[in-house]
Amino acid sequence: MADGQLANLSSGLTSDERRDRLRLVRSRRVGAVTYHRLMAEHGSACAALAALPAIAAAAGVENYECCPVGVVLAEERQGLAAGARLLIHGEDEYPRALRDIPDAPPVLWAKGDLSLLNRPAIGMVGARNASSLGMRMARRLAQGLSEAGMTVVSGLARGIDTAAHEAALEGEGRTIAVMAGGIDVIYPAENDALAQAIDARGCRISEHPLGLEPQARHFPLRNRIVAGLSRAVIVVEAAAKSGSLITARAALDYGRDVMAVPGHPFDARASGCNMLIRDGAVLVRGVQDVLEALGTPGEARTETHMTLAPLPGPETPQRPLKDVALLHAMILSRLGPSPLAEDQLMRDLKVTPAQLAPELLNLELEGRIARQPGGLLSRLE
């Protein structure tokens, strides 16, 4: 793609600036939060790229190299061949709902009707091994919300996600699929026909490079985008440790409504939903409950209060990135395959809960640590 063609795709940034931002986010150990910290500290992607080797050295990573230009040129060509558009944080076409969240994806590949990214949306998530009743409920909600003018956002996974996308297409065709891998990698493969239908009448997006096969650590990252795009997130069916609860937690932190469909107390697939309702989520019996809870656009609800642990938000004090990188290195050096108590880690590092909690979450989202029952932590790499 020629530079002039690339610059014409979206206003606001030159082709060199777009390429530098893509290089920055594709550089090793640069996730969304790190990307935004680098941009805030250095003012431009070019300056951030120049500073990265020294920051990596401060964290104990020697001979660090940023993503080569050739890699992003190849990614641009792949995106063009796949019929996808590159949306970059800070540009006009980038989804408005995602612009101000603290871990907004720096780049998105998008395919289909991009106008859906800036229309009122509802996230719908739930179990992959959903029950027949859960699937029927997801279909009823998605079709009704689509017919009411809402865009249904989900993750193209088996179970509830699939039911939500299919039913939304049967309604008014408004649905967005957030991919856990590259936008050209359909997962699960059985949803290939559904993905093609979404390309024709909806929209698919991914923050990952084309060709990337989804891995376990990518699914929590995908879930935060589902939450960020949505005015509210509905959990239809989810176990107590389901990834759907990560979506709910992200929605809560972003100021979105959290809603849940209740289930039988003896059904493990409903335990997560019942926990959410216990903690203040809106109980959903049908489409009307969702529409009544949303009220008018921008109207805040005050009658319920969620108590899930929040994600780091804009109010979280920003530490210099070199300090953050050093703290990450210290956390990882203390953790191993054998679980360690979080309060013990806090004492070992001599840090406060406010200093430790957001960085633990960032490492968890990056797939570098895992939480175990009883407040225990272990390293995954």
Protein backbone atom coordinates (compact mmCIF):
# COMPACT_ATOMS: atom_id res chain seq x y z
CA MET A 1 0.00 0.00 0.00
CA ALA A 2 1.44 3.39 -0.95
CA ASP A 3 1.96 6.02 1.74
CA GLY A 4 -0.60 8.32 0.13
CA GLN A 5 -3.21 5.58 0.10
CA LEU A 6 -2.51 4.74 3.74
CA ALA A 7 -2.82 8.39 4.81
CA ASN A 8 -6.19 8.67 3.07
CA LEU A 9 -7.72 5.81 5.07
CA SER A 10 -8.31 8.02 8.08
CA SER A 11 -7.68 11.64 8.97
CA GLY A 12 -5.46 12.99 11.73
CA LEU A 13 -2.19 11.05 11.43
CA THR A 14 0.40 10.85 8.69
CA SER A 15 1.32 7.48 7.23
CA ASP A 16 4.64 7.55 9.13
CA GLU A 17 2.86 8.25 12.43
CA ARG A 18 0.39 5.43 11.80
CA ARG A 19 3.23 3.06 11.03
CA ASP A 20 5.18 4.10 14.13
CA ARG A 21 2.14 3.48 16.32
CA LEU A 22 1.67 0.04 14.80
CA ARG A 23 5.38 -0.68 15.35
CA LEU A 24 5.09 0.44 18.96
CA VAL A 25 2.17 -1.82 19.88
CA ARG A 26 3.70 -4.75 17.99
CA SER A 27 6.98 -4.42 19.91
CA ARG A 28 7.74 -7.10 22.48
CA ARG A 29 6.29 -6.56 25.98
CA VAL A 30 4.19 -3.57 24.87
CA GLY A 31 0.54 -4.18 25.73
CA ALA A 32 -2.27 -1.64 25.64
CA VAL A 33 -1.59 -0.10 29.06
CA THR A 34 2.16 0.15 28.39
CA TYR A 35 1.45 1.67 24.97
CA HIS A 36 -0.69 4.46 26.43
CA ARG A 37 1.85 5.14 29.19
CA LEU A 38 4.62 5.40 26.60
CA MET A 39 2.57 7.77 24.45
CA ALA A 40 1.72 9.93 27.48
CA GLU A 41 5.33 10.08 28.65
CA HIS A 42 7.03 10.62 25.28
CA GLY A 43 4.40 12.41 23.22
CA SER A 44 4.79 10.41 20.03
CA ALA A 45 5.27 6.84 18.91
CA CYS A 46 8.59 7.76 17.28
CA ALA A 47 9.96 9.08 20.60
CA ALA A 48 8.54 6.10 22.50
CA LEU A 49 10.23 3.66 20.12
CA ALA A 50 13.54 5.44 20.72
CA ALA A 51 13.07 5.18 24.51
CA LEU A 52 11.98 1.53 24.62
CA PRO A 53 15.43 -0.14 24.71
CA ALA A 54 16.47 1.88 27.79
CA ILE A 55 13.16 1.12 29.52
CA ALA A 56 13.57 -2.58 28.78
CA ALA A 57 17.14 -2.51 30.10
CA ALA A 58 15.87 -0.98 33.36
CA ALA A 59 13.57 -4.00 33.68
CA GLY A 60 16.45 -6.39 33.12
CA VAL A 61 15.83 -7.08 29.42
CA GLU A 62 19.09 -6.67 27.50
CA ASN A 63 19.54 -6.20 23.74
CA TYR A 64 15.92 -5.19 23.31
CA GLU A 65 14.82 -4.44 19.75
CA CYS A 66 11.61 -2.74 18.68
CA CYS A 67 9.33 -4.27 16.06
CA PRO A 68 11.03 -3.93 12.63
CA VAL A 69 9.41 -1.75 9.98
CA GLY A 70 9.23 -4.72 7.63
CA VAL A 71 6.93 -6.58 10.02
CA VAL A 72 4.31 -3.82 10.07
CA LEU A 73 4.59 -3.31 6.29
CA ALA A 74 3.78 -7.00 5.88
CA GLU A 75 0.86 -6.66 8.32
CA GLU A 76 -0.52 -3.72 6.34
CA ARG A 77 -0.36 -5.77 3.13
CA GLN A 78 -2.11 -8.71 4.83
CA GLY A 79 -4.87 -6.44 6.09
CA LEU A 80 -5.41 -4.96 2.65
CA ALA A 81 -5.55 -8.44 1.10
CA ALA A 82 -8.12 -9.52 3.72
CA GLY A 83 -10.33 -6.53 2.99
CA ALA A 84 -9.85 -5.12 6.52
CA ARG A 85 -9.32 -1.52 7.65
CA LEU A 86 -6.76 -0.42 10.22
CA LEU A 87 -8.21 1.88 12.90
CA ILE A 88 -5.72 3.62 15.19
CA HIS A 89 -6.44 5.12 18.60
CA GLY A 90 -6.67 8.89 18.21
CA GLU A 91 -8.13 8.87 14.71
CA ASP A 92 -11.67 9.81 13.71
CA GLU A 93 -12.78 6.33 12.64
CA TYR A 94 -11.68 4.69 15.89
CA PRO A 95 -14.73 3.69 18.04
CA ARG A 96 -15.76 6.54 20.32
CA ALA A 97 -16.79 4.17 23.11
CA LEU A 98 -13.24 2.84 23.40
CA ARG A 99 -11.32 6.11 23.24
CA ASP A 100 -11.24 6.93 26.94
CA ILE A 101 -10.90 3.52 28.58
CA PRO A 102 -7.46 3.11 30.22
CA ASP A 103 -6.51 -0.04 28.32
CA ALA A 104 -8.06 0.85 24.96
CA PRO A 105 -6.66 -1.23 22.09
CA PRO A 106 -4.08 0.97 20.34
CA VAL A 107 -5.04 -0.46 16.95
CA LEU A 108 -7.98 -2.40 15.55
CA TRP A 109 -8.40 -4.29 12.31
CA ALA A 110 -12.04 -4.00 11.22
CA LYS A 111 -14.09 -5.69 8.51
CA GLY A 112 -17.70 -5.10 7.56
CA ASP A 113 -19.95 -2.17 8.45
CA LEU A 114 -17.67 0.16 10.43
CA SER A 115 -20.58 2.50 11.26
CA LEU A 116 -21.78 -0.09 13.80
CA LEU A 117 -18.73 0.70 15.94
CA ASN A 118 -20.27 4.06 16.84
CA ARG A 119 -23.88 2.99 17.39
CA PRO A 120 -25.51 2.07 20.73
CA ALA A 121 -24.38 -1.43 21.64
CA ILE A 122 -25.05 -4.15 24.20
CA GLY A 123 -22.48 -6.81 25.05
CA MET A 124 -23.69 -10.37 25.52
CA VAL A 125 -21.44 -13.10 26.92
CA GLY A 126 -21.79 -16.49 28.55
CA ALA A 127 -20.87 -20.14 28.66
CA ARG A 128 -19.46 -22.06 25.71
CA ASN A 129 -21.17 -25.22 26.99
CA ALA A 130 -24.45 -23.40 27.44
CA SER A 131 -27.66 -25.20 28.28
CA SER A 132 -30.59 -25.34 25.88
CA LEU A 133 -32.44 -22.85 28.06
CA GLY A 134 -29.43 -20.50 28.11
CA MET A 135 -29.16 -20.63 24.31
CA ARG A 136 -32.87 -19.87 23.90
CA MET A 137 -32.58 -16.94 26.29
CA ALA A 138 -29.54 -15.55 24.45
CA ARG A 139 -31.38 -15.78 21.12
CA ARG A 140 -34.49 -14.10 22.47
CA LEU A 141 -32.50 -11.25 24.02
CA ALA A 142 -30.24 -10.69 21.01
CA GLN A 143 -33.05 -10.68 18.46
CA GLY A 144 -35.18 -8.37 20.60
CA LEU A 145 -32.33 -5.94 21.23
CA SER A 146 -31.41 -5.92 17.55
CA GLU A 147 -35.00 -5.14 16.60
CA ALA A 148 -34.98 -2.36 19.21
CA GLY A 149 -32.08 -0.71 17.38
CA MET A 150 -29.19 -1.95 19.51
CA THR A 151 -26.01 -3.54 18.20
CA VAL A 152 -25.20 -6.84 19.89
CA VAL A 153 -21.50 -7.30 20.70
CA SER A 154 -20.00 -10.70 21.48
CA GLY A 155 -16.90 -12.82 20.93
CA LEU A 156 -17.82 -15.37 18.21
CA ALA A 157 -17.19 -18.25 20.62
CA ARG A 158 -19.31 -21.38 20.88
CA GLY A 159 -22.47 -21.35 22.94
CA ILE A 160 -23.94 -18.03 24.06
CA ASP A 161 -21.77 -15.92 21.73
CA THR A 162 -22.84 -17.87 18.66
CA ALA A 163 -26.52 -17.73 19.64
CA ALA A 164 -26.29 -13.97 20.21
CA HIS A 165 -24.69 -13.24 16.83
CA GLU A 166 -27.05 -15.50 14.90
CA ALA A 167 -30.18 -14.06 16.51
CA ALA A 168 -29.01 -10.47 16.04
CA LEU A 169 -28.56 -11.19 12.32
CA GLU A 170 -32.10 -12.57 12.25
CA GLY A 171 -33.29 -9.30 13.77
CA GLU A 172 -31.95 -6.14 12.16
CA GLY A 173 -28.50 -7.53 11.37
CA ARG A 174 -26.71 -5.39 13.92
CA THR A 175 -23.89 -7.36 15.51
CA ILE A 176 -20.16 -6.95 16.18
CA ALA A 177 -17.82 -9.89 16.72
CA VAL A 178 -14.63 -9.20 18.68
CA MET A 179 -11.97 -11.72 17.70
CA ALA A 180 -9.50 -13.34 20.09
CA GLY A 181 -6.99 -13.93 17.28
CA GLY A 182 -6.25 -12.30 13.95
CA ILE A 183 -9.25 -11.00 12.05
CA ASP A 184 -8.53 -13.56 9.32
CA VAL A 185 -8.44 -16.48 11.77
CA ILE A 186 -11.95 -17.77 12.47
CA TYR A 187 -12.13 -19.51 15.83
CA PRO A 188 -13.82 -21.87 16.27
CA ALA A 189 -13.57 -22.97 12.63
CA GLU A 190 -17.21 -24.14 12.73
CA ASN A 191 -18.24 -20.48 12.86
CA ASP A 192 -16.76 -19.66 9.45
CA ALA A 193 -20.18 -19.28 7.80
CA LEU A 194 -21.34 -17.11 10.70
CA ALA A 195 -18.25 -14.89 10.34
CA GLN A 196 -19.01 -14.43 6.63
CA ALA A 197 -22.60 -13.48 7.47
CA ILE A 198 -21.31 -10.92 9.99
CA ASP A 199 -18.93 -9.49 7.38
CA ALA A 200 -21.93 -8.96 5.09
CA ARG A 201 -24.34 -7.45 7.62
CA GLY A 202 -22.35 -6.68 10.75
CA CYS A 203 -18.74 -6.04 11.71
CA ARG A 204 -15.74 -8.03 12.97
CA ILE A 205 -12.77 -6.47 14.78
CA SER A 206 -9.47 -7.59 16.27
CA GLU A 207 -6.56 -5.83 17.96
CA HIS A 208 -4.15 -8.64 16.98
CA PRO A 209 -1.94 -9.09 13.91
CA LEU A 210 -3.44 -10.99 11.02
CA GLY A 211 -2.70 -14.70 11.03
CA LEU A 212 -2.44 -14.91 14.83
CA GLU A 213 -4.02 -18.05 16.27
CA PRO A 214 -5.93 -17.30 19.50
CA GLN A 215 -4.28 -18.36 22.76
CA ALA A 216 -5.69 -18.53 26.29
CA ARG A 217 -4.30 -15.13 27.26
CA HIS A 218 -6.05 -13.44 24.33
CA PHE A 219 -9.57 -14.14 25.56
CA PRO A 220 -9.53 -11.79 28.60
CA LEU A 221 -8.13 -9.10 26.29
CA ARG A 222 -10.98 -9.68 23.85
CA ASN A 223 -13.51 -9.52 26.70
CA ARG A 224 -12.43 -6.03 27.74
CA ILE A 225 -13.12 -4.79 24.20
CA VAL A 226 -16.61 -6.31 24.32
CA ALA A 227 -17.19 -4.40 27.57
CA GLY A 228 -15.68 -1.17 26.28
CA LEU A 229 -17.83 -1.06 23.15
CA SER A 230 -21.05 -1.66 25.07
CA ARG A 231 -23.42 0.53 27.04
CA ALA A 232 -24.18 -2.55 29.14
CA VAL A 233 -23.00 -6.15 29.34
CA ILE A 234 -25.45 -9.03 29.82
CA VAL A 235 -24.11 -12.29 31.21
CA VAL A 236 -26.55 -14.99 30.13
CA GLU A 237 -24.97 -18.11 31.63
CA ALA A 238 -21.58 -18.34 33.36
CA ALA A 239 -19.79 -20.44 35.96
CA ALA A 240 -18.25 -18.88 39.05
CA LYS A 241 -14.78 -18.71 37.44
CA SER A 242 -15.93 -17.94 33.92
CA GLY A 243 -14.14 -15.49 31.68
CA SER A 244 -17.50 -13.78 31.36
CA LEU A 245 -16.94 -12.37 34.85
CA ILE A 246 -13.78 -10.64 33.53
CA THR A 247 -16.05 -8.96 30.99
CA ALA A 248 -18.43 -7.94 33.78
CA ARG A 249 -15.57 -6.59 35.89
CA ALA A 250 -14.24 -4.56 32.97
CA ALA A 251 -17.73 -3.21 32.23
CA LEU A 252 -18.07 -2.12 35.83
CA ASP A 253 -14.75 -0.30 35.74
CA TYR A 254 -15.62 1.43 32.48
CA GLY A 255 -18.88 2.74 33.94
CA ARG A 256 -21.11 0.37 31.96
CA ASP A 257 -24.16 -1.38 33.35
CA VAL A 258 -23.80 -5.03 34.31
CA MET A 259 -26.80 -7.31 33.87
CA ALA A 260 -27.30 -11.03 34.38
CA VAL A 261 -29.86 -13.73 33.68
CA PRO A 262 -30.61 -15.73 36.86
CA GLY A 263 -30.34 -19.49 36.92
CA HIS A 264 -31.08 -22.45 39.13
CA PRO A 265 -28.85 -22.58 42.25
CA PHE A 266 -27.90 -26.19 41.52
CA ASP A 267 -26.70 -25.41 37.96
CA ALA A 268 -22.96 -24.59 38.01
CA ARG A 269 -23.37 -22.76 34.70
CA ALA A 270 -25.59 -20.22 36.47
CA SER A 271 -23.45 -19.63 39.56
CA GLY A 272 -21.55 -16.70 38.08
CA CYS A 273 -24.77 -14.95 37.02
CA ASN A 274 -26.33 -15.50 40.43
CA MET A 275 -23.22 -14.05 42.09
CA LEU A 276 -23.43 -10.96 39.88
CA ILE A 277 -27.09 -10.43 40.78
CA ARG A 278 -26.24 -10.86 44.48
CA ASP A 279 -23.59 -8.15 44.10
CA GLY A 280 -25.95 -5.67 42.44
CA ALA A 281 -26.21 -6.55 38.74
CA VAL A 282 -29.56 -5.91 37.04
CA LEU A 283 -31.65 -9.06 36.93
CA VAL A 284 -32.73 -9.76 33.34
CA ARG A 285 -35.87 -11.78 32.50
CA GLY A 286 -36.34 -10.41 29.00
CA VAL A 287 -35.62 -7.58 26.57
CA GLN A 288 -37.87 -5.14 28.40
CA ASP A 289 -35.79 -5.44 31.58
CA VAL A 290 -32.70 -4.42 29.58
CA LEU A 291 -34.37 -1.47 27.88
CA GLU A 292 -35.89 -0.21 31.13
CA ALA A 293 -32.53 -0.44 32.92
CA LEU A 294 -30.78 1.50 30.17
CA GLY A 295 -33.30 4.32 30.23
CA THR A 296 -32.29 7.30 28.12
CA PRO A 297 -28.74 7.50 26.71
CA GLY A 298 -26.29 8.60 29.37
CA GLU A 299 -28.76 8.16 32.23
CA ALA A 300 -27.02 6.78 35.32
CA ARG A 301 -28.54 4.17 37.57
CA THR A 302 -28.20 4.70 41.30
CA GLU A 303 -30.37 2.01 42.79
CA THR A 304 -27.76 -0.78 42.64
CA HIS A 305 -24.07 -0.93 43.40
CA MET A 306 -21.70 -3.60 42.15
CA THR A 307 -18.92 -4.81 44.43
CA LEU A 308 -16.59 -6.63 42.05
CA ALA A 309 -12.94 -5.68 42.35
CA PRO A 310 -12.41 -2.79 39.89
CA LEU A 311 -9.86 -2.66 37.12
CA PRO A 312 -7.34 0.22 37.09
CA GLY A 313 -9.04 3.30 35.68
CA PRO A 314 -8.16 6.85 34.67
CA GLU A 315 -8.15 7.90 38.33
CA THR A 316 -5.33 5.47 39.09
CA PRO A 317 -2.10 7.48 39.63
CA GLN A 318 0.29 6.95 36.73
CA ARG A 319 3.81 5.92 37.67
CA PRO A 320 6.80 6.42 35.34
CA LEU A 321 7.01 3.49 32.95
CA LYS A 322 10.54 2.58 34.05
CA ASP A 323 9.20 2.13 37.60
CA VAL A 324 6.32 0.02 36.32
CA ALA A 325 8.65 -2.17 34.24
CA LEU A 326 10.89 -2.65 37.28
CA LEU A 327 7.91 -3.61 39.48
CA HIS A 328 6.74 -6.13 36.86
CA ALA A 329 10.20 -7.68 36.80
CA MET A 330 10.23 -7.87 40.61
CA ILE A 331 6.77 -9.48 40.70
CA LEU A 332 7.73 -12.09 38.11
CA SER A 333 11.02 -12.83 39.85
CA ARG A 334 9.16 -13.62 43.09
CA LEU A 335 6.55 -15.85 41.46
CA GLY A 336 6.98 -19.36 40.12
CA PRO A 337 4.84 -22.38 39.27
CA SER A 338 4.12 -22.94 42.98
CA PRO A 339 1.37 -20.55 44.15
CA LEU A 340 2.27 -17.66 46.45
CA ALA A 341 -0.18 -15.67 48.59
CA GLU A 342 -0.83 -12.15 47.31
CA ASP A 343 -0.36 -10.61 50.77
CA GLN A 344 2.99 -12.40 51.10
CA LEU A 345 4.07 -11.00 47.74
CA MET A 346 3.05 -7.55 48.94
CA ARG A 347 5.20 -7.91 52.06
CA ASP A 348 8.14 -9.27 50.08
CA LEU A 349 8.08 -6.34 47.66
CA LYS A 350 7.25 -3.75 50.35
CA VAL A 351 4.47 -2.20 48.28
CA THR A 352 0.92 -1.14 49.07
CA PRO A 353 -2.25 -2.84 47.76
CA ALA A 354 -2.92 0.21 45.57
CA GLN A 355 0.52 -0.11 43.98
CA LEU A 356 0.36 -3.88 43.48
CA ALA A 357 -3.24 -4.56 42.41
CA PRO A 358 -3.29 -2.78 39.02
CA GLU A 359 0.04 -4.29 37.98
CA LEU A 360 -1.10 -7.80 38.96
CA LEU A 361 -4.16 -7.32 36.78
CA ASN A 362 -2.07 -6.10 33.85
CA LEU A 363 0.19 -9.15 34.15
CA GLU A 364 -2.87 -11.39 34.39
CA LEU A 365 -4.38 -9.90 31.23
CA GLU A 366 -1.04 -10.35 29.46
CA GLY A 367 -1.14 -14.04 30.39
CA ARG A 368 2.04 -13.90 32.49
CA ILE A 369 0.51 -14.77 35.87
CA ALA A 370 -2.56 -16.69 37.03
CA ARG A 371 -4.80 -16.34 40.07
CA GLN A 372 -5.50 -19.46 42.10
CA PRO A 373 -8.22 -20.09 44.72
CA GLY A 374 -7.54 -18.57 48.13
CA GLY A 375 -5.81 -15.40 46.92
CA LEU A 376 -2.79 -17.28 45.51
CA LEU A 377 -0.72 -16.27 42.49
CA SER A 378 1.55 -18.24 40.17
CA ARG A 379 3.74 -17.43 37.18
CA LEU A 380 2.81 -18.82 33.76
CA GLU A 381 6.05 -18.30 31.86
